[in-house]
N, C-alpha and C. Protein backbone atom coordinates (compact mmCIF):
# COMPACT_ATOMS: atom_id res chain seq x y z
N MET A 1 51.33 225.40 56.02
CA MET A 1 50.58 225.67 57.22
C MET A 1 51.01 227.03 57.74
N ALA A 2 50.05 227.82 58.16
CA ALA A 2 50.33 229.14 58.70
C ALA A 2 49.20 229.53 59.64
N THR A 3 49.49 230.48 60.50
CA THR A 3 48.44 231.06 61.32
C THR A 3 48.38 232.55 61.01
N ALA A 4 47.20 233.09 61.05
CA ALA A 4 47.03 234.51 60.76
C ALA A 4 45.72 234.99 61.37
N SER A 5 45.66 236.27 61.58
CA SER A 5 44.44 236.88 62.10
C SER A 5 43.57 237.36 60.95
N LEU A 6 42.29 237.17 61.10
CA LEU A 6 41.36 237.67 60.10
C LEU A 6 41.01 239.13 60.36
N THR A 7 41.47 239.67 61.47
CA THR A 7 41.14 241.05 61.81
C THR A 7 42.33 241.99 61.73
N GLU A 8 43.54 241.48 61.78
CA GLU A 8 44.74 242.33 61.77
C GLU A 8 45.25 242.54 60.35
N ASP A 9 45.88 243.66 60.12
CA ASP A 9 46.57 243.99 58.88
C ASP A 9 45.77 243.60 57.64
N HIS A 10 46.15 242.50 57.01
CA HIS A 10 45.51 242.07 55.76
C HIS A 10 44.40 241.05 56.02
N GLY A 11 43.77 241.13 57.16
CA GLY A 11 42.74 240.18 57.55
C GLY A 11 41.60 240.07 56.56
N ARG A 12 41.19 241.19 55.99
CA ARG A 12 40.08 241.16 55.02
C ARG A 12 40.46 240.32 53.81
N LEU A 13 41.70 240.47 53.34
CA LEU A 13 42.14 239.69 52.19
C LEU A 13 42.18 238.21 52.51
N LEU A 14 42.69 237.88 53.69
CA LEU A 14 42.75 236.47 54.10
C LEU A 14 41.34 235.90 54.26
N LYS A 15 40.45 236.66 54.86
CA LYS A 15 39.07 236.19 55.04
C LYS A 15 38.43 235.92 53.67
N SER A 16 38.61 236.82 52.75
CA SER A 16 38.06 236.65 51.41
C SER A 16 38.66 235.41 50.75
N PHE A 17 39.98 235.24 50.85
CA PHE A 17 40.65 234.08 50.27
C PHE A 17 40.15 232.78 50.90
N SER A 18 40.05 232.75 52.23
CA SER A 18 39.62 231.53 52.91
C SER A 18 38.18 231.17 52.55
N GLU A 19 37.33 232.18 52.41
CA GLU A 19 35.94 231.91 52.03
C GLU A 19 35.86 231.39 50.59
N ARG A 20 36.69 231.95 49.72
CA ARG A 20 36.69 231.54 48.31
C ARG A 20 37.24 230.12 48.14
N GLU A 21 38.27 229.77 48.91
CA GLU A 21 38.94 228.48 48.73
C GLU A 21 38.46 227.39 49.68
N ALA A 22 37.54 227.71 50.58
CA ALA A 22 37.03 226.71 51.53
C ALA A 22 36.50 225.49 50.77
N GLY A 23 36.97 224.34 51.17
CA GLY A 23 36.52 223.10 50.53
C GLY A 23 37.33 222.70 49.31
N ALA A 24 38.17 223.59 48.79
CA ALA A 24 39.01 223.25 47.63
C ALA A 24 40.09 222.26 48.07
N PRO A 25 40.50 221.36 47.18
CA PRO A 25 41.56 220.41 47.53
C PRO A 25 42.83 221.13 48.01
N GLY A 26 43.38 220.64 49.11
CA GLY A 26 44.62 221.19 49.63
C GLY A 26 44.45 222.38 50.56
N PHE A 27 43.23 222.81 50.79
CA PHE A 27 43.00 223.96 51.66
C PHE A 27 42.09 223.58 52.83
N ALA A 28 42.48 224.03 54.00
CA ALA A 28 41.65 223.90 55.20
C ALA A 28 41.89 225.15 56.03
N PHE A 29 40.86 225.65 56.63
CA PHE A 29 40.97 226.90 57.38
C PHE A 29 40.34 226.76 58.77
N PRO A 30 40.87 225.86 59.59
CA PRO A 30 40.28 225.72 60.93
C PRO A 30 40.62 226.92 61.80
N GLU A 31 39.69 227.26 62.69
CA GLU A 31 39.93 228.36 63.61
C GLU A 31 40.86 227.87 64.72
N LEU A 32 41.82 228.68 65.06
CA LEU A 32 42.77 228.33 66.10
C LEU A 32 42.13 228.58 67.46
N ALA A 33 41.98 227.53 68.23
CA ALA A 33 41.36 227.63 69.55
C ALA A 33 42.44 227.81 70.61
N ALA A 34 42.01 228.03 71.83
CA ALA A 34 42.95 228.15 72.94
C ALA A 34 43.77 226.87 73.05
N LEU A 35 45.03 227.03 73.38
CA LEU A 35 45.93 225.90 73.52
C LEU A 35 45.79 225.29 74.91
N GLY A 36 46.06 223.99 75.01
CA GLY A 36 46.12 223.36 76.32
C GLY A 36 47.30 223.95 77.10
N GLU A 37 47.30 223.77 78.40
CA GLU A 37 48.32 224.41 79.23
C GLU A 37 49.74 224.03 78.83
N ASP A 38 50.01 222.75 78.62
CA ASP A 38 51.37 222.33 78.25
C ASP A 38 51.78 222.92 76.91
N GLU A 39 50.87 222.87 75.93
CA GLU A 39 51.16 223.45 74.62
C GLU A 39 51.39 224.96 74.72
N ALA A 40 50.58 225.63 75.51
CA ALA A 40 50.69 227.08 75.65
C ALA A 40 52.03 227.47 76.29
N VAL A 41 52.40 226.79 77.35
CA VAL A 41 53.66 227.11 78.02
C VAL A 41 54.83 226.93 77.05
N LEU A 42 54.84 225.82 76.34
CA LEU A 42 55.89 225.56 75.37
C LEU A 42 55.82 226.57 74.21
N GLY A 43 54.65 226.79 73.68
CA GLY A 43 54.49 227.69 72.54
C GLY A 43 54.87 229.13 72.86
N PHE A 44 54.41 229.63 74.00
CA PHE A 44 54.74 231.00 74.38
C PHE A 44 56.25 231.16 74.61
N GLN A 45 56.88 230.15 75.23
CA GLN A 45 58.32 230.25 75.43
C GLN A 45 59.06 230.18 74.09
N TRP A 46 58.55 229.40 73.15
CA TRP A 46 59.17 229.31 71.83
C TRP A 46 59.10 230.67 71.13
N VAL A 47 57.95 231.33 71.20
CA VAL A 47 57.80 232.66 70.61
C VAL A 47 58.82 233.62 71.23
N LEU A 48 58.98 233.55 72.54
CA LEU A 48 59.88 234.47 73.24
C LEU A 48 61.35 234.21 72.92
N LEU A 49 61.66 233.05 72.35
CA LEU A 49 63.04 232.75 71.93
C LEU A 49 63.39 233.41 70.60
N HIS A 50 62.40 233.93 69.90
CA HIS A 50 62.60 234.50 68.58
C HIS A 50 62.02 235.91 68.55
N PRO A 51 62.81 236.90 68.23
CA PRO A 51 62.28 238.27 68.19
C PRO A 51 61.01 238.33 67.34
N TRP A 52 59.96 238.90 67.91
CA TRP A 52 58.65 238.88 67.27
C TRP A 52 58.50 239.93 66.19
N ARG A 53 58.80 241.18 66.53
CA ARG A 53 58.59 242.27 65.59
C ARG A 53 59.79 243.20 65.60
N ARG A 54 60.53 243.22 64.55
CA ARG A 54 61.71 244.09 64.48
C ARG A 54 61.34 245.56 64.24
N ASP A 55 60.08 245.82 63.91
CA ASP A 55 59.64 247.19 63.67
C ASP A 55 58.95 247.81 64.89
N ARG A 56 59.03 247.14 66.03
CA ARG A 56 58.37 247.63 67.24
C ARG A 56 59.41 248.03 68.28
N GLU A 57 58.95 248.31 69.47
CA GLU A 57 59.80 248.73 70.57
C GLU A 57 60.85 247.65 70.87
N PRO A 58 61.93 248.05 71.57
CA PRO A 58 63.02 247.09 71.84
C PRO A 58 62.58 245.80 72.52
N GLU A 59 61.56 245.85 73.38
CA GLU A 59 61.16 244.62 74.08
C GLU A 59 60.64 243.55 73.12
N TYR A 60 60.18 243.94 71.93
CA TYR A 60 59.73 242.96 70.94
C TYR A 60 60.89 242.42 70.11
N GLN A 61 62.06 243.02 70.23
CA GLN A 61 63.22 242.61 69.45
C GLN A 61 64.17 241.74 70.25
N ARG A 62 63.87 241.55 71.51
CA ARG A 62 64.72 240.75 72.39
C ARG A 62 64.22 239.31 72.47
N VAL A 63 65.10 238.45 72.94
CA VAL A 63 64.69 237.08 73.27
C VAL A 63 64.59 236.98 74.79
N TYR A 64 63.71 236.13 75.25
CA TYR A 64 63.48 235.92 76.67
C TYR A 64 63.68 234.45 76.98
N VAL A 65 64.49 234.16 77.99
CA VAL A 65 64.73 232.77 78.39
C VAL A 65 64.68 232.67 79.90
N THR A 66 64.47 231.46 80.37
CA THR A 66 64.41 231.19 81.79
C THR A 66 65.81 230.89 82.31
N PRO A 67 66.25 231.57 83.38
CA PRO A 67 67.54 231.22 83.98
C PRO A 67 67.49 229.79 84.55
N ARG A 68 68.62 229.16 84.66
CA ARG A 68 68.67 227.77 85.13
C ARG A 68 68.12 227.58 86.53
N ASN A 69 68.23 228.60 87.37
CA ASN A 69 67.82 228.44 88.77
C ASN A 69 66.32 228.64 89.00
N VAL A 70 65.55 228.96 87.97
CA VAL A 70 64.12 229.20 88.12
C VAL A 70 63.36 227.89 87.93
N PRO A 71 62.56 227.51 88.91
CA PRO A 71 61.76 226.27 88.76
C PRO A 71 60.75 226.41 87.62
N PRO A 72 60.60 225.38 86.78
CA PRO A 72 59.64 225.43 85.67
C PRO A 72 58.22 225.78 86.11
N GLY A 73 57.85 225.40 87.32
CA GLY A 73 56.51 225.69 87.82
C GLY A 73 56.24 227.18 87.91
N LYS A 74 57.27 227.97 88.18
CA LYS A 74 57.10 229.42 88.26
C LYS A 74 56.77 230.00 86.89
N ILE A 75 57.41 229.49 85.87
CA ILE A 75 57.14 229.96 84.50
C ILE A 75 55.73 229.55 84.11
N ARG A 76 55.37 228.33 84.43
CA ARG A 76 54.02 227.82 84.13
C ARG A 76 52.97 228.72 84.79
N GLU A 77 53.19 229.09 86.05
CA GLU A 77 52.23 229.95 86.76
C GLU A 77 52.09 231.30 86.06
N GLY A 78 53.19 231.89 85.66
CA GLY A 78 53.15 233.18 84.99
C GLY A 78 52.45 233.12 83.65
N LEU A 79 52.76 232.11 82.85
CA LEU A 79 52.18 231.99 81.52
C LEU A 79 50.74 231.48 81.55
N ARG A 80 50.36 230.83 82.65
CA ARG A 80 48.98 230.34 82.80
C ARG A 80 47.98 231.51 82.77
N LEU A 81 48.41 232.68 83.18
CA LEU A 81 47.53 233.85 83.20
C LEU A 81 47.05 234.23 81.80
N LEU A 82 47.75 233.77 80.77
CA LEU A 82 47.37 234.08 79.39
C LEU A 82 46.30 233.13 78.86
N LYS A 83 45.94 232.12 79.64
CA LYS A 83 44.84 231.19 79.35
C LYS A 83 44.96 230.49 78.00
N GLY A 84 46.19 230.30 77.52
CA GLY A 84 46.40 229.56 76.27
C GLY A 84 45.91 230.25 75.03
N ASP A 85 45.56 231.52 75.14
CA ASP A 85 45.00 232.26 74.01
C ASP A 85 46.10 232.62 73.01
N PRO A 86 46.08 232.05 71.81
CA PRO A 86 47.16 232.32 70.84
C PRO A 86 47.13 233.75 70.29
N THR A 87 46.06 234.49 70.54
CA THR A 87 45.99 235.85 70.00
C THR A 87 46.65 236.89 70.91
N VAL A 88 47.21 236.48 72.04
CA VAL A 88 47.79 237.45 72.98
C VAL A 88 49.25 237.74 72.73
N VAL A 89 49.86 237.09 71.75
CA VAL A 89 51.29 237.24 71.51
C VAL A 89 51.67 238.70 71.28
N GLU A 90 50.90 239.39 70.50
CA GLU A 90 51.24 240.75 70.11
C GLU A 90 51.32 241.72 71.28
N ASP A 91 50.57 241.48 72.34
CA ASP A 91 50.58 242.44 73.43
C ASP A 91 50.77 241.81 74.81
N LYS A 92 49.83 240.97 75.24
CA LYS A 92 49.88 240.45 76.60
C LYS A 92 51.07 239.54 76.86
N LEU A 93 51.49 238.76 75.88
CA LEU A 93 52.65 237.88 76.10
C LEU A 93 53.89 238.69 76.41
N TYR A 94 54.10 239.76 75.66
CA TYR A 94 55.29 240.57 75.90
C TYR A 94 55.19 241.37 77.19
N LEU A 95 53.99 241.76 77.58
CA LEU A 95 53.81 242.40 78.88
C LEU A 95 54.14 241.40 79.99
N ALA A 96 53.63 240.17 79.86
CA ALA A 96 53.94 239.13 80.84
C ALA A 96 55.44 238.86 80.89
N ALA A 97 56.09 238.79 79.73
CA ALA A 97 57.53 238.53 79.69
C ALA A 97 58.31 239.65 80.38
N GLN A 98 57.89 240.89 80.16
CA GLN A 98 58.58 242.02 80.81
C GLN A 98 58.39 241.97 82.32
N LEU A 99 57.19 241.66 82.77
CA LEU A 99 56.95 241.56 84.21
C LEU A 99 57.73 240.40 84.81
N MET A 100 57.77 239.27 84.09
CA MET A 100 58.51 238.12 84.59
C MET A 100 60.01 238.40 84.60
N THR A 101 60.48 239.26 83.69
CA THR A 101 61.89 239.67 83.70
C THR A 101 62.17 240.52 84.94
N LEU A 102 61.26 241.43 85.26
CA LEU A 102 61.42 242.25 86.46
C LEU A 102 61.53 241.39 87.73
N HIS A 103 60.82 240.26 87.72
CA HIS A 103 60.83 239.36 88.89
C HIS A 103 61.85 238.23 88.74
N GLU A 104 62.75 238.38 87.77
CA GLU A 104 63.88 237.47 87.54
C GLU A 104 63.46 236.04 87.20
N LEU A 105 62.28 235.91 86.58
CA LEU A 105 61.85 234.61 86.08
C LEU A 105 62.31 234.41 84.64
N PHE A 106 62.60 235.50 83.96
CA PHE A 106 63.19 235.48 82.62
C PHE A 106 64.41 236.39 82.63
N VAL A 107 65.34 236.10 81.74
CA VAL A 107 66.41 237.04 81.41
C VAL A 107 66.24 237.34 79.94
N THR A 108 66.74 238.49 79.52
CA THR A 108 66.52 238.90 78.14
C THR A 108 67.80 239.43 77.55
N ASP A 109 67.89 239.37 76.23
CA ASP A 109 69.04 239.90 75.53
C ASP A 109 68.65 240.17 74.09
N ASP A 110 69.51 240.85 73.41
CA ASP A 110 69.31 241.15 72.00
C ASP A 110 70.27 240.26 71.21
N ASP A 111 69.76 239.16 70.68
CA ASP A 111 70.62 238.20 69.97
C ASP A 111 71.30 238.80 68.75
N GLU A 112 70.60 239.68 68.04
CA GLU A 112 71.18 240.30 66.86
C GLU A 112 72.41 241.14 67.24
N ALA A 113 72.28 241.91 68.31
CA ALA A 113 73.41 242.74 68.76
C ALA A 113 74.55 241.86 69.26
N ALA A 114 74.21 240.79 69.98
CA ALA A 114 75.25 239.88 70.49
C ALA A 114 75.99 239.22 69.33
N TYR A 115 75.26 238.81 68.30
CA TYR A 115 75.89 238.17 67.15
C TYR A 115 76.77 239.16 66.39
N ALA A 116 76.29 240.39 66.21
CA ALA A 116 77.09 241.42 65.53
C ALA A 116 78.37 241.70 66.31
N ASP A 117 78.26 241.77 67.63
CA ASP A 117 79.44 241.98 68.47
C ASP A 117 80.41 240.81 68.33
N TYR A 118 79.90 239.59 68.31
CA TYR A 118 80.72 238.40 68.14
C TYR A 118 81.48 238.45 66.81
N LEU A 119 80.76 238.77 65.74
CA LEU A 119 81.41 238.85 64.42
C LEU A 119 82.48 239.93 64.39
N GLU A 120 82.23 241.05 65.02
CA GLU A 120 83.20 242.12 65.05
C GLU A 120 84.46 241.72 65.82
N ARG A 121 84.25 241.00 66.90
CA ARG A 121 85.39 240.60 67.73
C ARG A 121 86.15 239.40 67.19
N PHE A 122 85.43 238.41 66.65
CA PHE A 122 86.06 237.15 66.28
C PHE A 122 85.94 236.79 64.81
N GLY A 123 85.12 237.53 64.07
CA GLY A 123 84.82 237.18 62.69
C GLY A 123 85.89 237.57 61.77
């Protein structure tokens, strides 16, 4: 199981493959629709826990988490603006995360750098 865009990067190849294999045993190519609010809030936060693109600006290489003192409803309100659209991860999700960090709804760090520092100090 995987998700991919038919318009980004190798989208033409994927579109051709999906059209060729549609209906073949073991293959299904359903279109990914907008997520329900609960799924979207969980899914977007899960994405933010894992650096998205190591070849992009530093904000895409960081992880974003909610501090303990932030009510879950505040995070839900912020992420609700993305309307559950799974295609916004590449741009709008990270813009939202940066804005929410400015308003102290998220904290961010570079896990790779923290782990390298840990290994250097204690490894």
